[in-house]
Amino acid sequence: MFSGNPKVDKLLHQFQGGNNPYAFSVHKELKQERYSPTPEETIIIREQHKTLFQQDEAMQRTFKNNFEEYFKAVENPDLMLQRMEERMREIDKDIAERQARGEFPEWQMDDSFMEGMESEIDLDDLEFDPREEEDASRSFEQDSWDSPFDDDPLYQKAHEWFMSFHKECHEIYDKQGKKDPDLFRVIINSSMVSAKIVFGSSYGEAEEEDLELAAIAAEVDMKGYTLANIFLSRARESLKNLVHKGFEPVDMWQKALSGADDISIELQSRMVELAKKIRSGK
């Protein structure tokens, strides 16, 4: 079933467990029951995953640029695993053919695929399920604070912002049954902001003398911050909608909106600096 390559096997094994980063967590089995998103929720989940898919070259190659096939696999972890195994066989075949032509050594893998997948696997902040029990929420909160990215002030701000209202959102949406689509959109987009800031900060500062590496790191950082900005913008839009239609508690949405605006300013400032760095080639 697996490839025999420890690195690949570890990756595939994670897709069999409960931490599959490409399956939105409402699709996990809870108390032996599988939750089926409502049509309105599905639209919002599709919006999120389409953005992720458009930015993920590894998944584009894995699913032949077919978003619909990718989204089917998002909803079905077994299908995701099957397609990944097929992709690994394709990579193995391509490697063997290239080796036969003497094009590159045996150890070389499809790095863009592996690195793209591993960068997502490491992002614990990706998953938030508005239907998790309170103990799961507490575990999520504790695990998040053990992150090695706590020294990034923008990550801290985005994480604290999300944690300041996610339990209340869970209470209102799930336990009180107030299934407002803007509330659901806030939940799943706000949880992605800190995760993508981590992605944008994950490569750190490249050695100054290695201009090529620095340029690559800047491009990767820009992709992460761009995604964070997209998800933050969607959360802000829906927070404004909640305020305008008087969805209670309005004061909480206003406070969350103010926090989002603050994060947006800092995030866009980083993006401007990165853009200057990319343009200058430094």
C-alpha atoms as a PDB file:
ATOM      1  CA  MET A   1       0.000   0.000   0.000  1.00  0.00           C
ATOM      2  CA  PHE A   2       2.850   2.378   0.862  1.00  0.00           C
ATOM      3  CA  SER A   3       5.949   3.260  -1.123  1.00  0.00           C
ATOM      4  CA  GLY A   4       8.720   1.930   1.091  1.00  0.00           C
ATOM      5  CA  ASN A   5      10.189   5.420   1.353  1.00  0.00           C
ATOM      6  CA  PRO A   6       9.959   6.427   5.065  1.00  0.00           C
ATOM      7  CA  LYS A   7       9.348  10.093   4.276  1.00  0.00           C
ATOM      8  CA  VAL A   8       6.524   9.303   1.877  1.00  0.00           C
ATOM      9  CA  ASP A   9       5.040   6.634   4.140  1.00  0.00           C
ATOM     10  CA  LYS A  10       4.924   9.070   7.053  1.00  0.00           C
ATOM     11  CA  LEU A  11       3.108  11.601   4.889  1.00  0.00           C
ATOM     12  CA  LEU A  12       0.534   9.095   3.666  1.00  0.00           C
ATOM     13  CA  HIS A  13       0.014   7.747   7.182  1.00  0.00           C
ATOM     14  CA  GLN A  14      -0.995  11.210   8.398  1.00  0.00           C
ATOM     15  CA  PHE A  15      -3.741  11.312   5.782  1.00  0.00           C
ATOM     16  CA  GLN A  16      -5.243   8.160   7.286  1.00  0.00           C
ATOM     17  CA  GLY A  17      -5.585   9.722  10.720  1.00  0.00           C
ATOM     18  CA  GLY A  18      -7.681  12.542  12.101  1.00  0.00           C
ATOM     19  CA  ASN A  19      -5.225  15.315  11.222  1.00  0.00           C
ATOM     20  CA  ASN A  20      -5.732  15.366   7.470  1.00  0.00           C
ATOM     21  CA  PRO A  21      -5.142  19.063   6.694  1.00  0.00           C
ATOM     22  CA  TYR A  22      -7.050  18.911   3.426  1.00  0.00           C
ATOM     23  CA  ALA A  23     -10.275  17.663   4.997  1.00  0.00           C
ATOM     24  CA  PHE A  24     -12.181  20.407   6.761  1.00  0.00           C
ATOM     25  CA  SER A  25     -12.748  19.134  10.254  1.00  0.00           C
ATOM     26  CA  VAL A  26     -16.559  19.183  10.144  1.00  0.00           C
ATOM     27  CA  HIS A  27     -16.186  16.157   7.873  1.00  0.00           C
ATOM     28  CA  LYS A  28     -14.615  14.062  10.628  1.00  0.00           C
ATOM     29  CA  GLU A  29     -16.676  11.458  12.419  1.00  0.00           C
ATOM     30  CA  LEU A  30     -17.953  12.763  15.739  1.00  0.00           C
ATOM     31  CA  LYS A  31     -19.333  10.247  18.221  1.00  0.00           C
ATOM     32  CA  GLN A  32     -19.604   7.630  15.465  1.00  0.00           C
ATOM     33  CA  GLU A  33     -21.720   9.966  13.320  1.00  0.00           C
ATOM     34  CA  ARG A  34     -20.631  11.706  10.141  1.00  0.00           C
ATOM     35  CA  TYR A  35     -21.649  15.316   9.922  1.00  0.00           C
ATOM     36  CA  SER A  36     -23.015  16.481   6.574  1.00  0.00           C
ATOM     37  CA  PRO A  37     -22.627  20.222   5.911  1.00  0.00           C
ATOM     38  CA  THR A  38     -25.732  22.142   4.940  1.00  0.00           C
ATOM     39  CA  PRO A  39     -25.891  23.586   1.394  1.00  0.00           C
ATOM     40  CA  GLU A  40     -24.982  27.048   2.741  1.00  0.00           C
ATOM     41  CA  GLU A  41     -22.026  25.631   4.686  1.00  0.00           C
ATOM     42  CA  THR A  42     -20.851  23.708   1.634  1.00  0.00           C
ATOM     43  CA  ILE A  43     -20.742  26.916  -0.431  1.00  0.00           C
ATOM     44  CA  ILE A  44     -18.544  28.582   2.192  1.00  0.00           C
ATOM     45  CA  ILE A  45     -16.291  25.535   2.574  1.00  0.00           C
ATOM     46  CA  ARG A  46     -15.901  25.368  -1.221  1.00  0.00           C
ATOM     47  CA  GLU A  47     -14.919  29.034  -1.261  1.00  0.00           C
ATOM     48  CA  GLN A  48     -12.177  28.326   1.254  1.00  0.00           C
ATOM     49  CA  HIS A  49     -10.842  25.233  -0.459  1.00  0.00           C
ATOM     50  CA  LYS A  50     -10.902  26.796  -3.916  1.00  0.00           C
ATOM     51  CA  THR A  51      -8.565  29.476  -2.630  1.00  0.00           C
ATOM     52  CA  LEU A  52      -6.270  26.860  -1.102  1.00  0.00           C
ATOM     53  CA  PHE A  53      -6.312  24.782  -4.276  1.00  0.00           C
ATOM     54  CA  GLN A  54      -5.465  27.763  -6.483  1.00  0.00           C
ATOM     55  CA  GLN A  55      -2.382  28.442  -4.367  1.00  0.00           C
ATOM     56  CA  ASP A  56      -1.223  24.818  -3.982  1.00  0.00           C
ATOM     57  CA  GLU A  57       0.761  23.583  -6.979  1.00  0.00           C
ATOM     58  CA  ALA A  58       1.242  20.173  -5.387  1.00  0.00           C
ATOM     59  CA  MET A  59      -2.502  19.566  -5.149  1.00  0.00           C
ATOM     60  CA  GLN A  60      -3.046  20.969  -8.629  1.00  0.00           C
ATOM     61  CA  ARG A  61      -0.650  18.375 -10.018  1.00  0.00           C
ATOM     62  CA  THR A  62      -2.108  15.616  -7.856  1.00  0.00           C
ATOM     63  CA  PHE A  63      -5.621  16.292  -9.173  1.00  0.00           C
ATOM     64  CA  LYS A  64      -4.656  17.322 -12.731  1.00  0.00           C
ATOM     65  CA  ASN A  65      -5.880  20.898 -12.104  1.00  0.00           C
ATOM     66  CA  ASN A  66      -9.390  19.561 -11.478  1.00  0.00           C
ATOM     67  CA  PHE A  67     -10.867  21.348  -8.465  1.00  0.00           C
ATOM     68  CA  GLU A  68     -14.052  19.273  -8.448  1.00  0.00           C
ATOM     69  CA  GLU A  69     -12.071  16.051  -8.097  1.00  0.00           C
ATOM     70  CA  TYR A  70      -9.980  17.649  -5.367  1.00  0.00           C
ATOM     71  CA  PHE A  71     -13.073  18.783  -3.464  1.00  0.00           C
ATOM     72  CA  LYS A  72     -14.574  15.298  -3.644  1.00  0.00           C
ATOM     73  CA  ALA A  73     -11.390  14.041  -1.977  1.00  0.00           C
ATOM     74  CA  VAL A  74     -11.572  16.802   0.654  1.00  0.00           C
ATOM     75  CA  GLU A  75     -14.965  15.408   1.628  1.00  0.00           C
ATOM     76  CA  ASN A  76     -13.724  11.811   1.516  1.00  0.00           C
ATOM     77  CA  PRO A  77     -10.356  11.150   3.255  1.00  0.00           C
ATOM     78  CA  ASP A  78     -10.190   7.637   1.754  1.00  0.00           C
ATOM     79  CA  LEU A  79     -10.396   9.123  -1.727  1.00  0.00           C
ATOM     80  CA  MET A  80      -7.707  11.666  -0.811  1.00  0.00           C
ATOM     81  CA  LEU A  81      -5.416   8.888   0.345  1.00  0.00           C
ATOM     82  CA  GLN A  82      -6.110   6.875  -2.816  1.00  0.00           C
ATOM     83  CA  ARG A  83      -5.253   9.810  -5.067  1.00  0.00           C
ATOM     84  CA  MET A  84      -2.090  10.551  -3.109  1.00  0.00           C
ATOM     85  CA  GLU A  85      -0.950   6.971  -3.444  1.00  0.00           C
ATOM     86  CA  GLU A  86      -1.596   7.190  -7.186  1.00  0.00           C
ATOM     87  CA  ARG A  87       0.442  10.394  -7.298  1.00  0.00           C
ATOM     88  CA  MET A  88       3.341   8.743  -5.471  1.00  0.00           C
ATOM     89  CA  ARG A  89       3.303   5.898  -7.998  1.00  0.00           C
ATOM     90  CA  GLU A  90       3.365   8.482 -10.798  1.00  0.00           C
ATOM     91  CA  ILE A  91       6.349  10.173  -9.169  1.00  0.00           C
ATOM     92  CA  ASP A  92       8.158   6.844  -8.712  1.00  0.00           C
ATOM     93  CA  LYS A  93       7.556   5.993 -12.362  1.00  0.00           C
ATOM     94  CA  ASP A  94       8.802   9.392 -13.495  1.00  0.00           C
ATOM     95  CA  ILE A  95      11.915   9.046 -11.319  1.00  0.00           C
ATOM     96  CA  ALA A  96      12.667   5.609 -12.747  1.00  0.00           C
ATOM     97  CA  GLU A  97      12.294   6.872 -16.311  1.00  0.00           C
ATOM     98  CA  ARG A  98      14.535   9.866 -15.635  1.00  0.00           C
ATOM     99  CA  GLN A  99      17.123   7.677 -13.933  1.00  0.00           C
ATOM    100  CA  ALA A 100      17.122   5.398 -16.979  1.00  0.00           C
ATOM    101  CA  ARG A 101      18.016   8.439 -19.055  1.00  0.00           C
ATOM    102  CA  GLY A 102      20.646   9.461 -16.496  1.00  0.00           C
ATOM    103  CA  GLU A 103      18.981  12.764 -15.782  1.00  0.00           C
ATOM    104  CA  PHE A 104      19.314  12.870 -11.978  1.00  0.00           C
ATOM    105  CA  PRO A 105      20.379  10.646  -9.061  1.00  0.00           C
ATOM    106  CA  GLU A 106      18.221   8.083  -7.289  1.00  0.00           C
ATOM    107  CA  TRP A 107      17.644  10.124  -4.118  1.00  0.00           C
ATOM    108  CA  GLN A 108      16.008  13.043  -5.890  1.00  0.00           C
ATOM    109  CA  MET A 109      12.272  13.269  -5.293  1.00  0.00           C
ATOM    110  CA  ASP A 110       9.548  15.589  -6.526  1.00  0.00           C
ATOM    111  CA  ASP A 111      10.551  18.218  -3.956  1.00  0.00           C
ATOM    112  CA  SER A 112       7.828  20.666  -4.900  1.00  0.00           C
ATOM    113  CA  PHE A 113       5.234  17.998  -4.116  1.00  0.00           C
ATOM    114  CA  MET A 114       6.769  16.832  -0.852  1.00  0.00           C
ATOM    115  CA  GLU A 115       7.607  20.294   0.469  1.00  0.00           C
ATOM    116  CA  GLY A 116       4.171  21.609  -0.426  1.00  0.00           C
ATOM    117  CA  MET A 117       2.486  18.760   1.388  1.00  0.00           C
ATOM    118  CA  GLU A 118       4.719  18.900   4.467  1.00  0.00           C
ATOM    119  CA  SER A 119       4.290  22.654   4.853  1.00  0.00           C
ATOM    120  CA  GLU A 120       0.530  22.051   5.200  1.00  0.00           C
ATOM    121  CA  ILE A 121       0.900  18.990   7.426  1.00  0.00           C
ATOM    122  CA  ASP A 122       2.809  21.028  10.010  1.00  0.00           C
ATOM    123  CA  LEU A 123       0.098  23.667  10.405  1.00  0.00           C
ATOM    124  CA  ASP A 124      -1.916  22.643  13.459  1.00  0.00           C
ATOM    125  CA  ASP A 125      -3.986  25.847  13.307  1.00  0.00           C
ATOM    126  CA  LEU A 126      -5.722  24.730  10.104  1.00  0.00           C
ATOM    127  CA  GLU A 127      -8.409  22.723  11.874  1.00  0.00           C
ATOM    128  CA  PHE A 128     -11.288  24.207  13.792  1.00  0.00           C
ATOM    129  CA  ASP A 129     -14.554  22.412  14.145  1.00  0.00           C
ATOM    130  CA  PRO A 130     -17.495  24.435  15.454  1.00  0.00           C
ATOM    131  CA  ARG A 131     -18.971  21.138  16.645  1.00  0.00           C
ATOM    132  CA  GLU A 132     -16.059  19.949  18.794  1.00  0.00           C
ATOM    133  CA  GLU A 133     -16.679  19.383  22.492  1.00  0.00           C
ATOM    134  CA  GLU A 134     -15.388  21.967  24.976  1.00  0.00           C
ATOM    135  CA  ASP A 135     -12.499  19.733  26.052  1.00  0.00           C
ATOM    136  CA  ALA A 136     -11.344  19.588  22.431  1.00  0.00           C
ATOM    137  CA  SER A 137     -11.441  23.373  22.291  1.00  0.00           C
ATOM    138  CA  ARG A 138      -9.339  23.588  25.442  1.00  0.00           C
ATOM    139  CA  SER A 139      -6.876  21.089  23.999  1.00  0.00           C
ATOM    140  CA  PHE A 140      -6.700  23.078  20.774  1.00  0.00           C
ATOM    141  CA  GLU A 141      -6.019  26.253  22.764  1.00  0.00           C
ATOM    142  CA  GLN A 142      -3.238  24.665  24.812  1.00  0.00           C
ATOM    143  CA  ASP A 143      -1.621  22.983  21.807  1.00  0.00           C
ATOM    144  CA  SER A 144      -1.683  26.224  19.870  1.00  0.00           C
ATOM    145  CA  TRP A 145       0.185  28.065  22.613  1.00  0.00           C
ATOM    146  CA  ASP A 146       2.944  25.449  22.465  1.00  0.00           C
ATOM    147  CA  SER A 147       3.697  26.582  18.915  1.00  0.00           C
ATOM    148  CA  PRO A 148       7.300  27.528  18.052  1.00  0.00           C
ATOM    149  CA  PHE A 149       5.923  30.615  16.282  1.00  0.00           C
ATOM    150  CA  ASP A 150       4.862  32.329  19.494  1.00  0.00           C
ATOM    151  CA  ASP A 151       7.724  34.784  19.125  1.00  0.00           C
ATOM    152  CA  ASP A 152       6.146  36.232  15.966  1.00  0.00           C
ATOM    153  CA  PRO A 153       4.055  39.187  17.225  1.00  0.00           C
ATOM    154  CA  LEU A 154       1.741  39.123  14.208  1.00  0.00           C
ATOM    155  CA  TYR A 155       1.060  35.410  14.683  1.00  0.00           C
ATOM    156  CA  GLN A 156       0.385  36.050  18.372  1.00  0.00           C
ATOM    157  CA  LYS A 157      -2.020  38.857  17.558  1.00  0.00           C
ATOM    158  CA  ALA A 158      -3.904  36.801  14.943  1.00  0.00           C
ATOM    159  CA  HIS A 159      -4.074  33.768  17.225  1.00  0.00           C
ATOM    160  CA  GLU A 160      -5.288  35.766  20.229  1.00  0.00           C
ATOM    161  CA  TRP A 161      -7.851  37.489  18.013  1.00  0.00           C
ATOM    162  CA  PHE A 162      -9.270  34.153  16.858  1.00  0.00           C
ATOM    163  CA  MET A 163      -9.217  32.631  20.346  1.00  0.00           C
ATOM    164  CA  SER A 164     -11.055  35.663  21.754  1.00  0.00           C
ATOM    165  CA  PHE A 165     -14.311  34.756  20.045  1.00  0.00           C
ATOM    166  CA  HIS A 166     -14.165  31.205  18.682  1.00  0.00           C
ATOM    167  CA  LYS A 167     -15.796  29.589  21.759  1.00  0.00           C
ATOM    168  CA  GLU A 168     -18.648  32.069  21.654  1.00  0.00           C
ATOM    169  CA  CYS A 169     -19.082  31.355  17.953  1.00  0.00           C
ATOM    170  CA  HIS A 170     -19.227  27.644  18.724  1.00  0.00           C
ATOM    171  CA  GLU A 171     -21.845  28.264  21.405  1.00  0.00           C
ATOM    172  CA  ILE A 172     -24.032  30.445  19.185  1.00  0.00           C
ATOM    173  CA  TYR A 173     -23.747  28.442  15.976  1.00  0.00           C
ATOM    174  CA  ASP A 174     -23.851  24.919  17.323  1.00  0.00           C
ATOM    175  CA  LYS A 175     -25.441  24.817  20.760  1.00  0.00           C
ATOM    176  CA  GLN A 176     -27.910  27.668  20.263  1.00  0.00           C
ATOM    177  CA  GLY A 177     -28.565  26.552  16.692  1.00  0.00           C
ATOM    178  CA  LYS A 178     -28.323  30.026  15.148  1.00  0.00           C
ATOM    179  CA  LYS A 179     -27.044  28.860  11.768  1.00  0.00           C
ATOM    180  CA  ASP A 180     -26.194  32.207  10.255  1.00  0.00           C
ATOM    181  CA  PRO A 181     -23.973  31.766   7.141  1.00  0.00           C
ATOM    182  CA  ASP A 182     -21.914  34.853   7.975  1.00  0.00           C
ATOM    183  CA  LEU A 183     -21.155  33.396  11.406  1.00  0.00           C
ATOM    184  CA  PHE A 184     -20.022  30.127   9.833  1.00  0.00           C
ATOM    185  CA  ARG A 185     -17.898  32.086   7.342  1.00  0.00           C
ATOM    186  CA  VAL A 186     -16.266  33.988  10.205  1.00  0.00           C
ATOM    187  CA  ILE A 187     -15.505  30.722  12.009  1.00  0.00           C
ATOM    188  CA  ILE A 188     -13.731  28.911   9.202  1.00  0.00           C
ATOM    189  CA  ASN A 189     -11.913  31.921   7.755  1.00  0.00           C
ATOM    190  CA  SER A 190     -10.701  33.416  11.032  1.00  0.00           C
ATOM    191  CA  SER A 191      -9.170  30.077  11.999  1.00  0.00           C
ATOM    192  CA  MET A 192      -7.015  30.163   8.855  1.00  0.00           C
ATOM    193  CA  VAL A 193      -5.408  33.570   9.373  1.00  0.00           C
ATOM    194  CA  SER A 194      -2.811  32.632  11.984  1.00  0.00           C
ATOM    195  CA  ALA A 195      -2.111  29.348  10.161  1.00  0.00           C
ATOM    196  CA  LYS A 196      -1.192  31.181   6.983  1.00  0.00           C
ATOM    197  CA  ILE A 197       0.851  33.768   8.863  1.00  0.00           C
ATOM    198  CA  VAL A 198       2.852  30.810  10.178  1.00  0.00           C
ATOM    199  CA  PHE A 199       3.255  29.578   6.601  1.00  0.00           C
ATOM    200  CA  GLY A 200       4.393  33.053   5.545  1.00  0.00           C
ATOM    201  CA  SER A 201       6.927  33.181   8.369  1.00  0.00           C
ATOM    202  CA  SER A 202       8.060  29.554   8.257  1.00  0.00           C
ATOM    203  CA  TYR A 203      11.126  30.005   6.101  1.00  0.00           C
ATOM    204  CA  GLY A 204      12.749  32.646   8.284  1.00  0.00           C
ATOM    205  CA  GLU A 205      15.513  34.946   7.138  1.00  0.00           C
ATOM    206  CA  ALA A 206      17.744  33.525   4.443  1.00  0.00           C
ATOM    207  CA  GLU A 207      21.471  34.126   4.538  1.00  0.00           C
ATOM    208  CA  GLU A 208      22.125  37.603   3.192  1.00  0.00           C
ATOM    209  CA  GLU A 209      24.847  36.410   0.839  1.00  0.00           C
ATOM    210  CA  ASP A 210      22.523  33.820  -0.723  1.00  0.00           C
ATOM    211  CA  LEU A 211      20.390  36.127  -2.847  1.00  0.00           C
ATOM    212  CA  GLU A 212      18.687  33.278  -4.702  1.00  0.00           C
ATOM    213  CA  LEU A 213      17.576  31.608  -1.482  1.00  0.00           C
ATOM    214  CA  ALA A 214      16.424  34.945  -0.073  1.00  0.00           C
ATOM    215  CA  ALA A 215      14.326  35.585  -3.191  1.00  0.00           C
ATOM    216  CA  ILE A 216      12.712  32.135  -2.964  1.00  0.00           C
ATOM    217  CA  ALA A 217      11.966  32.614   0.750  1.00  0.00           C
ATOM    218  CA  ALA A 218      10.390  36.005   0.028  1.00  0.00           C
ATOM    219  CA  GLU A 219       8.137  34.489  -2.656  1.00  0.00           C
ATOM    220  CA  VAL A 220       7.012  31.733  -0.281  1.00  0.00           C
ATOM    221  CA  ASP A 221       6.386  34.234   2.508  1.00  0.00           C
ATOM    222  CA  MET A 222       4.337  36.392   0.148  1.00  0.00           C
ATOM    223  CA  LYS A 223       2.138  33.424  -0.763  1.00  0.00           C
ATOM    224  CA  GLY A 224       1.455  32.708   2.917  1.00  0.00           C
ATOM    225  CA  TYR A 225       0.672  36.321   3.740  1.00  0.00           C
ATOM    226  CA  THR A 226      -1.514  36.652   0.652  1.00  0.00           C
ATOM    227  CA  LEU A 227      -3.604  33.687   1.791  1.00  0.00           C
ATOM    228  CA  ALA A 228      -3.794  35.083   5.323  1.00  0.00           C
ATOM    229  CA  ASN A 229      -5.007  38.385   3.889  1.00  0.00           C
ATOM    230  CA  ILE A 230      -7.679  36.655   1.773  1.00  0.00           C
ATOM    231  CA  PHE A 231      -9.070  34.721   4.745  1.00  0.00           C
ATOM    232  CA  LEU A 232      -8.895  37.785   6.980  1.00  0.00           C
ATOM    233  CA  SER A 233     -10.747  39.874   4.385  1.00  0.00           C
ATOM    234  CA  ARG A 234     -13.537  37.302   4.213  1.00  0.00           C
ATOM    235  CA  ALA A 235     -13.838  37.204   8.000  1.00  0.00           C
ATOM    236  CA  ARG A 236     -13.953  41.016   8.112  1.00  0.00           C
ATOM    237  CA  GLU A 237     -16.636  41.114   5.429  1.00  0.00           C
ATOM    238  CA  SER A 238     -18.853  38.685   7.331  1.00  0.00           C
ATOM    239  CA  LEU A 239     -18.202  40.416  10.656  1.00  0.00           C
ATOM    240  CA  LYS A 240     -19.447  43.640   9.065  1.00  0.00           C
ATOM    241  CA  ASN A 241     -22.540  41.779   7.841  1.00  0.00           C
ATOM    242  CA  LEU A 242     -23.224  40.469  11.343  1.00  0.00           C
ATOM    243  CA  VAL A 243     -23.005  44.008  12.733  1.00  0.00           C
ATOM    244  CA  HIS A 244     -25.171  45.539  10.015  1.00  0.00           C
ATOM    245  CA  LYS A 245     -27.998  43.035  10.454  1.00  0.00           C
ATOM    246  CA  GLY A 246     -27.886  43.307  14.246  1.00  0.00           C
ATOM    247  CA  PHE A 247     -26.974  39.668  14.851  1.00  0.00           C
ATOM    248  CA  GLU A 248     -26.271  39.386  18.583  1.00  0.00           C
ATOM    249  CA  PRO A 249     -23.894  39.913  20.280  1.00  0.00           C
ATOM    250  CA  VAL A 250     -23.179  42.928  18.084  1.00  0.00           C
ATOM    251  CA  ASP A 251     -20.585  44.351  20.474  1.00  0.00           C
ATOM    252  CA  MET A 252     -18.480  41.179  20.124  1.00  0.00           C
ATOM    253  CA  TRP A 253     -18.539  41.378  16.325  1.00  0.00           C
ATOM    254  CA  GLN A 254     -17.574  45.058  16.502  1.00  0.00           C
ATOM    255  CA  LYS A 255     -14.650  44.234  18.771  1.00  0.00           C
ATOM    256  CA  ALA A 256     -13.584  41.363  16.511  1.00  0.00           C
ATOM    257  CA  LEU A 257     -13.842  43.649  13.494  1.00  0.00           C
ATOM    258  CA  SER A 258     -11.624  46.228  15.172  1.00  0.00           C
ATOM    259  CA  GLY A 259      -9.050  43.522  15.911  1.00  0.00           C
ATOM    260  CA  ALA A 260      -9.234  42.294  12.333  1.00  0.00           C
ATOM    261  CA  ASP A 261      -8.586  45.804  11.039  1.00  0.00           C
ATOM    262  CA  ASP A 262      -5.496  46.059  13.251  1.00  0.00           C
ATOM    263  CA  ILE A 263      -4.167  42.709  11.979  1.00  0.00           C
ATOM    264  CA  SER A 264      -4.909  43.748   8.394  1.00  0.00           C
ATOM    265  CA  ILE A 265      -2.759  46.877   8.700  1.00  0.00           C
ATOM    266  CA  GLU A 266       0.236  44.929  10.040  1.00  0.00           C
ATOM    267  CA  LEU A 267      -0.219  42.108   7.558  1.00  0.00           C
ATOM    268  CA  GLN A 268      -0.345  44.470   4.594  1.00  0.00           C
ATOM    269  CA  SER A 269       2.710  46.285   5.934  1.00  0.00           C
ATOM    270  CA  ARG A 270       4.652  43.006   5.842  1.00  0.00           C
ATOM    271  CA  MET A 271       3.416  42.354   2.326  1.00  0.00           C
ATOM    272  CA  VAL A 272       4.610  45.784   1.171  1.00  0.00           C
ATOM    273  CA  GLU A 273       8.061  45.164   2.624  1.00  0.00           C
ATOM    274  CA  LEU A 274       8.205  41.742   1.001  1.00  0.00           C
ATOM    275  CA  ALA A 275       7.136  43.208  -2.340  1.00  0.00           C
ATOM    276  CA  LYS A 276      10.002  45.698  -2.121  1.00  0.00           C
ATOM    277  CA  LYS A 277      12.396  42.880  -1.314  1.00  0.00           C
ATOM    278  CA  ILE A 278      11.177  40.773  -4.232  1.00  0.00           C
ATOM    279  CA  ARG A 279      11.391  43.691  -6.673  1.00  0.00           C
ATOM    280  CA  SER A 280      14.886  44.610  -5.567  1.00  0.00           C
ATOM    281  CA  GLY A 281      16.053  40.998  -5.813  1.00  0.00           C
ATOM    282  CA  LYS A 282      17.402  41.096  -2.260  1.00  0.00           C
END
